[in-house]
Amino acid sequence: MLYWAVVFLIVAIIAGILGFGGIAAAAAGMAKILFYIFLIIFLITLIMGLSRRSRI
C-alpha cells in the first residue's frame, strides 16, 4: 500500500510539473488517502503485536 502511495505521489509531481493541475490534485489526494490507510493499518498491527508479546 505504501508503494502505491509513492507511485501516486510521483505521478502527482510529474503532472504538476507538466501543468496538469486536475490530475496532479487527484493523484495527490489518492496518495494521501493511501498513506493514511497504510499508517492506520501499521499502527493497528504494531499495537496488536506489542500486546501479544507482553502476554507471553
N, C-alpha and C. Protein backbone atom coordinates (compact mmCIF):
# COMPACT_ATOMS: atom_id res chain seq x y z
N MET A 1 0.82 -1.18 0.00
CA MET A 1 0.00 0.00 0.00
C MET A 1 0.88 1.26 0.00
N LEU A 2 1.96 1.19 0.73
CA LEU A 2 2.87 2.33 0.74
C LEU A 2 3.48 2.53 -0.65
N TYR A 3 3.71 1.44 -1.35
CA TYR A 3 4.24 1.51 -2.71
C TYR A 3 3.31 2.33 -3.62
N TRP A 4 2.01 2.04 -3.54
CA TRP A 4 1.05 2.75 -4.38
C TRP A 4 0.93 4.21 -3.97
N ALA A 5 1.07 4.50 -2.70
CA ALA A 5 1.05 5.90 -2.27
C ALA A 5 2.22 6.66 -2.88
N VAL A 6 3.38 6.04 -2.91
CA VAL A 6 4.56 6.68 -3.51
C VAL A 6 4.38 6.83 -5.02
N VAL A 7 3.80 5.82 -5.66
CA VAL A 7 3.55 5.90 -7.10
C VAL A 7 2.62 7.07 -7.41
N PHE A 8 1.53 7.21 -6.66
CA PHE A 8 0.61 8.32 -6.91
C PHE A 8 1.27 9.66 -6.61
N LEU A 9 2.14 9.70 -5.61
CA LEU A 9 2.86 10.93 -5.31
C LEU A 9 3.77 11.33 -6.47
N ILE A 10 4.46 10.37 -7.04
CA ILE A 10 5.34 10.65 -8.18
C ILE A 10 4.53 11.10 -9.38
N VAL A 11 3.38 10.45 -9.61
CA VAL A 11 2.51 10.86 -10.71
C VAL A 11 2.03 12.29 -10.49
N ALA A 12 1.68 12.63 -9.25
CA ALA A 12 1.23 13.98 -8.95
C ALA A 12 2.33 15.01 -9.19
N ILE A 13 3.54 14.68 -8.81
CA ILE A 13 4.65 15.62 -9.01
C ILE A 13 4.92 15.83 -10.49
N ILE A 14 4.93 14.74 -11.26
CA ILE A 14 5.18 14.85 -12.70
C ILE A 14 4.05 15.61 -13.38
N ALA A 15 2.80 15.31 -13.00
CA ALA A 15 1.67 16.02 -13.61
C ALA A 15 1.69 17.49 -13.23
N GLY A 16 2.10 17.80 -12.01
CA GLY A 16 2.20 19.20 -11.60
C GLY A 16 3.26 19.95 -12.37
N ILE A 17 4.38 19.30 -12.62
CA ILE A 17 5.45 19.94 -13.38
C ILE A 17 5.01 20.20 -14.82
N LEU A 18 4.26 19.25 -15.38
CA LEU A 18 3.82 19.39 -16.76
C LEU A 18 2.59 20.29 -16.91
N GLY A 19 1.99 20.72 -15.80
CA GLY A 19 0.89 21.66 -15.88
C GLY A 19 -0.49 21.05 -15.84
N PHE A 20 -0.61 19.78 -15.53
CA PHE A 20 -1.91 19.13 -15.43
C PHE A 20 -2.39 19.22 -13.99
N GLY A 21 -3.00 20.34 -13.65
CA GLY A 21 -3.38 20.61 -12.26
C GLY A 21 -4.43 19.67 -11.72
N GLY A 22 -5.44 19.34 -12.52
CA GLY A 22 -6.50 18.45 -12.05
C GLY A 22 -6.00 17.05 -11.78
N ILE A 23 -5.20 16.54 -12.67
CA ILE A 23 -4.64 15.19 -12.49
C ILE A 23 -3.68 15.18 -11.30
N ALA A 24 -2.92 16.24 -11.15
CA ALA A 24 -1.97 16.32 -10.04
C ALA A 24 -2.72 16.34 -8.71
N ALA A 25 -3.80 17.09 -8.64
CA ALA A 25 -4.58 17.16 -7.39
C ALA A 25 -5.23 15.82 -7.07
N ALA A 26 -5.76 15.16 -8.08
CA ALA A 26 -6.38 13.86 -7.87
C ALA A 26 -5.36 12.82 -7.42
N ALA A 27 -4.21 12.81 -8.06
CA ALA A 27 -3.16 11.84 -7.69
C ALA A 27 -2.63 12.13 -6.29
N ALA A 28 -2.49 13.39 -5.95
CA ALA A 28 -2.01 13.74 -4.61
C ALA A 28 -3.05 13.35 -3.56
N GLY A 29 -4.31 13.52 -3.87
CA GLY A 29 -5.37 13.09 -2.96
C GLY A 29 -5.37 11.59 -2.74
N MET A 30 -5.19 10.84 -3.81
CA MET A 30 -5.12 9.37 -3.68
C MET A 30 -3.89 8.96 -2.88
N ALA A 31 -2.77 9.61 -3.10
CA ALA A 31 -1.56 9.29 -2.35
C ALA A 31 -1.77 9.56 -0.87
N LYS A 32 -2.44 10.66 -0.55
CA LYS A 32 -2.71 11.00 0.84
C LYS A 32 -3.61 9.96 1.50
N ILE A 33 -4.67 9.58 0.80
CA ILE A 33 -5.61 8.59 1.34
C ILE A 33 -4.91 7.25 1.57
N LEU A 34 -4.15 6.80 0.58
CA LEU A 34 -3.46 5.51 0.72
C LEU A 34 -2.42 5.56 1.84
N PHE A 35 -1.74 6.68 2.00
CA PHE A 35 -0.76 6.80 3.07
C PHE A 35 -1.43 6.71 4.44
N TYR A 36 -2.57 7.40 4.60
CA TYR A 36 -3.27 7.36 5.88
C TYR A 36 -3.82 5.97 6.17
N ILE A 37 -4.31 5.28 5.16
CA ILE A 37 -4.78 3.90 5.36
C ILE A 37 -3.61 3.02 5.78
N PHE A 38 -2.47 3.17 5.11
CA PHE A 38 -1.28 2.41 5.48
C PHE A 38 -0.87 2.71 6.92
N LEU A 39 -0.90 3.98 7.31
CA LEU A 39 -0.50 4.37 8.65
C LEU A 39 -1.43 3.76 9.71
N ILE A 40 -2.72 3.77 9.46
CA ILE A 40 -3.69 3.19 10.40
C ILE A 40 -3.48 1.69 10.53
N ILE A 41 -3.32 1.00 9.41
CA ILE A 41 -3.10 -0.45 9.46
C ILE A 41 -1.78 -0.77 10.16
N PHE A 42 -0.74 0.02 9.90
CA PHE A 42 0.54 -0.19 10.57
C PHE A 42 0.42 -0.03 12.08
N LEU A 43 -0.27 1.01 12.52
CA LEU A 43 -0.42 1.23 13.96
C LEU A 43 -1.25 0.13 14.62
N ILE A 44 -2.29 -0.34 13.95
CA ILE A 44 -3.10 -1.43 14.50
C ILE A 44 -2.28 -2.69 14.65
N THR A 45 -1.51 -3.05 13.62
CA THR A 45 -0.69 -4.26 13.72
C THR A 45 0.43 -4.10 14.75
N LEU A 46 0.97 -2.89 14.87
CA LEU A 46 2.00 -2.65 15.88
C LEU A 46 1.45 -2.83 17.29
N ILE A 47 0.29 -2.28 17.54
CA ILE A 47 -0.34 -2.41 18.86
C ILE A 47 -0.70 -3.85 19.14
N MET A 48 -1.24 -4.55 18.14
CA MET A 48 -1.58 -5.97 18.34
C MET A 48 -0.33 -6.80 18.59
N GLY A 49 0.76 -6.51 17.90
CA GLY A 49 2.00 -7.24 18.11
C GLY A 49 2.59 -6.99 19.49
N LEU A 50 2.53 -5.76 19.94
CA LEU A 50 3.05 -5.45 21.27
C LEU A 50 2.19 -6.07 22.38
N SER A 51 0.88 -6.08 22.19
CA SER A 51 0.02 -6.68 23.21
C SER A 51 0.18 -8.19 23.23
N ARG A 52 0.38 -8.80 22.07
CA ARG A 52 0.58 -10.24 22.03
C ARG A 52 1.91 -10.63 22.66
N ARG A 53 2.94 -9.82 22.46
CA ARG A 53 4.25 -10.10 23.00
C ARG A 53 4.26 -9.98 24.53
N SER A 54 3.50 -9.05 25.09
CA SER A 54 3.51 -8.84 26.53
C SER A 54 2.75 -9.93 27.28
N ARG A 55 1.86 -10.65 26.64
CA ARG A 55 1.10 -11.72 27.30
C ARG A 55 1.95 -12.94 27.56
N ILE A 56 2.94 -13.18 26.73
CA ILE A 56 3.73 -14.41 26.86
C ILE A 56 4.76 -14.30 27.96
